[in-house]
Amino acid sequence: MKRTMILGMAILVFLLAACSPAASSSTPKIEIVSPYVSAVMAMDMGATPTADSMGMSSMGGGNGAAYMIIKNTGGAADRLLKAQSDVASSVELHQTVMKNNVMEMQPVEAIDIPANGQFELKPGEYHIMLIGLKKDLTVGEKVKITLVFEKAGSISVDAEVRKP
């Protein structure tokens, strides 16, 4: 009887131990690496370019793009649903695609972040578009961007403005 009880308790401890890591690894754990913003000149907005002491800034009313690496060290995939920032009138998730030999940017609904993996937002591919900048972006300053994930919730980052 005593052996049966010890064996039963050992099995129970084993099962609990096996379940605990699985529960903790089935959630995403998001980390943002190297976030930065690049100012993009407005094409036909009629804005006049301005320049800071380094000769670089955005045009008032222009657009910008944010890039970063999104790491997920958790055991479950997640999705970046949207991004927000006070520096732009609108913020969208975008993908650059080739159509009829012309590079175009198009909005995407979400960006999948794999479990135990990463996704890089980079020039010429996926990025966060800052549309209708409310102020000039000066090289070296920080722009606050809030990323909204399906499972991980909201994560705010300070992205440094860099030369395009």
Protein backbone atom coordinates (compact mmCIF):
# COMPACT_ATOMS: atom_id res chain seq x y z
CA MET A 1 0.00 0.00 0.00
CA LYS A 2 2.82 2.37 0.91
CA ARG A 3 4.63 1.65 -2.39
CA THR A 4 1.46 2.29 -4.38
CA MET A 5 0.95 5.60 -2.62
CA ILE A 6 4.58 6.66 -3.23
CA LEU A 7 4.35 5.59 -6.86
CA GLY A 8 1.09 7.54 -7.29
CA MET A 9 2.61 10.67 -5.77
CA ALA A 10 5.70 10.32 -7.98
CA ILE A 11 3.50 10.09 -11.08
CA LEU A 12 1.48 13.10 -9.96
CA VAL A 13 4.66 15.16 -9.39
CA PHE A 14 5.96 14.09 -12.82
CA LEU A 15 2.70 15.09 -14.54
CA LEU A 16 2.58 18.47 -12.81
CA ALA A 17 6.19 19.16 -13.74
CA ALA A 18 5.50 18.19 -17.35
CA CYS A 19 2.47 20.50 -17.54
CA SER A 20 4.05 23.59 -16.00
CA PRO A 21 6.67 24.35 -18.68
CA ALA A 22 4.17 23.64 -21.43
CA ALA A 23 1.78 26.20 -19.98
CA SER A 24 4.46 28.89 -19.71
CA SER A 25 5.93 28.19 -23.16
CA SER A 26 2.53 28.36 -24.87
CA THR A 27 2.44 32.13 -24.59
CA PRO A 28 4.34 34.58 -26.76
CA LYS A 29 7.17 36.61 -25.19
CA ILE A 30 7.80 39.62 -27.41
CA GLU A 31 10.99 41.69 -27.44
CA ILE A 32 11.62 44.65 -29.77
CA VAL A 33 15.20 45.03 -31.02
CA SER A 34 16.80 48.05 -32.76
CA PRO A 35 13.69 50.13 -33.51
CA TYR A 36 14.30 53.15 -35.75
CA VAL A 37 12.42 55.60 -37.94
CA SER A 38 13.49 56.95 -41.30
CA ALA A 39 11.95 60.13 -42.64
CA VAL A 40 10.58 59.80 -46.18
CA MET A 41 10.15 62.90 -48.30
CA ALA A 42 6.61 63.81 -49.41
CA MET A 43 6.17 63.57 -53.16
CA ASP A 44 3.26 65.80 -53.98
CA MET A 45 2.07 67.23 -50.70
CA GLY A 46 3.42 70.68 -51.54
CA ALA A 47 5.49 70.74 -48.37
CA THR A 48 8.78 72.59 -48.20
CA PRO A 49 11.74 70.63 -46.91
CA THR A 50 13.41 71.81 -43.70
CA ALA A 51 16.89 70.96 -42.46
CA ASP A 52 18.40 70.53 -39.04
CA SER A 53 22.02 71.16 -38.12
CA MET A 54 22.97 67.80 -39.65
CA GLY A 55 21.14 68.61 -42.87
CA MET A 56 18.51 65.95 -42.29
CA SER A 57 14.88 66.17 -41.26
CA SER A 58 11.53 65.26 -42.69
CA MET A 59 9.23 67.54 -44.61
CA GLY A 60 6.26 68.84 -42.66
CA GLY A 61 3.22 66.76 -43.67
CA GLY A 62 5.40 64.05 -45.18
CA ASN A 63 5.65 60.40 -44.29
CA GLY A 64 8.05 58.23 -42.35
CA ALA A 65 8.68 54.54 -41.92
CA ALA A 66 9.60 52.53 -38.83
CA TYR A 67 11.72 49.40 -38.82
CA MET A 68 12.73 46.91 -36.13
CA ILE A 69 13.22 43.26 -35.28
CA ILE A 70 10.35 41.64 -33.37
CA LYS A 71 11.59 38.62 -31.42
CA ASN A 72 9.25 36.06 -29.92
CA THR A 73 11.01 33.81 -27.43
CA GLY A 74 7.74 32.24 -26.30
CA GLY A 75 6.28 28.94 -27.41
CA ALA A 76 3.22 30.43 -29.16
CA ALA A 77 2.97 32.52 -32.30
CA ASP A 78 1.55 36.04 -32.12
CA ARG A 79 0.35 38.67 -34.58
CA LEU A 80 1.17 42.36 -34.81
CA LEU A 81 -2.28 43.85 -35.39
CA LYS A 82 -1.52 47.56 -35.55
CA ALA A 83 0.82 50.34 -34.53
CA GLN A 84 0.12 53.81 -33.15
CA SER A 85 2.13 57.02 -32.81
CA ASP A 86 1.31 60.63 -31.97
CA VAL A 87 3.77 61.95 -34.59
CA ALA A 88 1.55 60.94 -37.55
CA SER A 89 -2.05 61.42 -38.59
CA SER A 90 -2.28 57.75 -39.49
CA VAL A 91 -0.13 54.67 -38.84
CA GLU A 92 -0.38 51.51 -40.97
CA LEU A 93 1.36 48.17 -41.31
CA HIS A 94 2.73 47.95 -44.87
CA GLN A 95 4.44 45.57 -47.26
CA THR A 96 6.46 46.60 -50.31
CA VAL A 97 5.56 44.56 -53.40
CA MET A 98 6.51 44.57 -57.07
CA LYS A 99 3.57 45.22 -59.43
CA ASN A 100 4.07 45.67 -63.17
CA ASN A 101 7.78 46.36 -62.62
CA VAL A 102 6.97 49.09 -60.09
CA MET A 103 7.60 48.89 -56.36
CA GLU A 104 4.44 49.69 -54.41
CA MET A 105 3.56 49.80 -50.74
CA GLN A 106 0.31 48.23 -49.66
CA PRO A 107 -1.34 47.99 -46.24
CA VAL A 108 -1.50 44.59 -44.56
CA GLU A 109 -4.03 43.46 -41.97
CA ALA A 110 -1.47 41.94 -39.59
CA ILE A 111 2.06 40.55 -39.42
CA ASP A 112 2.61 37.03 -38.07
CA ILE A 113 5.39 36.61 -35.51
CA PRO A 114 6.41 32.93 -35.25
CA ALA A 115 6.85 31.10 -31.95
CA ASN A 116 10.51 30.89 -30.91
CA GLY A 117 11.40 33.07 -33.88
CA GLN A 118 11.53 36.61 -35.15
CA PHE A 119 10.27 38.89 -37.89
CA GLU A 120 12.24 41.83 -39.25
CA LEU A 121 10.58 45.00 -40.45
CA LYS A 122 13.09 46.46 -42.92
CA PRO A 123 13.35 48.84 -45.88
CA GLY A 124 11.92 47.42 -49.09
CA GLU A 125 9.84 44.82 -47.26
CA TYR A 126 7.44 44.97 -44.30
CA HIS A 127 7.42 48.20 -42.29
CA ILE A 128 5.29 50.55 -40.21
CA MET A 129 4.19 53.56 -42.26
CA LEU A 130 3.83 56.91 -40.47
CA ILE A 131 1.47 58.86 -42.72
CA GLY A 132 1.02 62.62 -42.49
CA LEU A 133 3.79 63.55 -40.07
CA LYS A 134 2.63 66.24 -37.65
CA LYS A 135 6.15 67.61 -37.16
CA ASP A 136 9.63 67.40 -38.57
CA LEU A 137 11.59 64.35 -37.51
CA THR A 138 15.15 65.29 -36.64
CA VAL A 139 18.00 62.78 -36.78
CA GLY A 140 18.78 61.55 -33.28
CA GLU A 141 15.41 62.29 -31.69
CA LYS A 142 13.15 59.51 -30.39
CA VAL A 143 9.66 58.69 -31.67
CA LYS A 144 7.28 56.73 -29.42
CA ILE A 145 5.50 53.90 -31.26
CA THR A 146 3.00 51.55 -29.62
CA LEU A 147 2.73 48.08 -31.14
CA VAL A 148 -0.49 46.15 -30.54
CA PHE A 149 -0.23 42.36 -30.58
CA GLU A 150 -3.06 39.83 -30.60
CA LYS A 151 -1.79 37.95 -27.52
CA ALA A 152 1.02 40.02 -25.99
CA GLY A 153 -1.05 43.22 -25.92
CA SER A 154 0.48 46.70 -26.29
CA ILE A 155 4.22 47.31 -26.23
CA SER A 156 5.65 50.83 -26.52
CA VAL A 157 9.08 51.49 -27.98
CA ASP A 158 11.20 54.60 -28.51
CA ALA A 159 12.53 54.52 -32.07
CA GLU A 160 15.48 56.73 -32.96
CA VAL A 161 15.18 58.87 -36.10
CA ARG A 162 17.94 57.99 -38.58
CA LYS A 163 19.04 59.30 -41.96
CA PRO A 164 17.09 57.66 -44.79
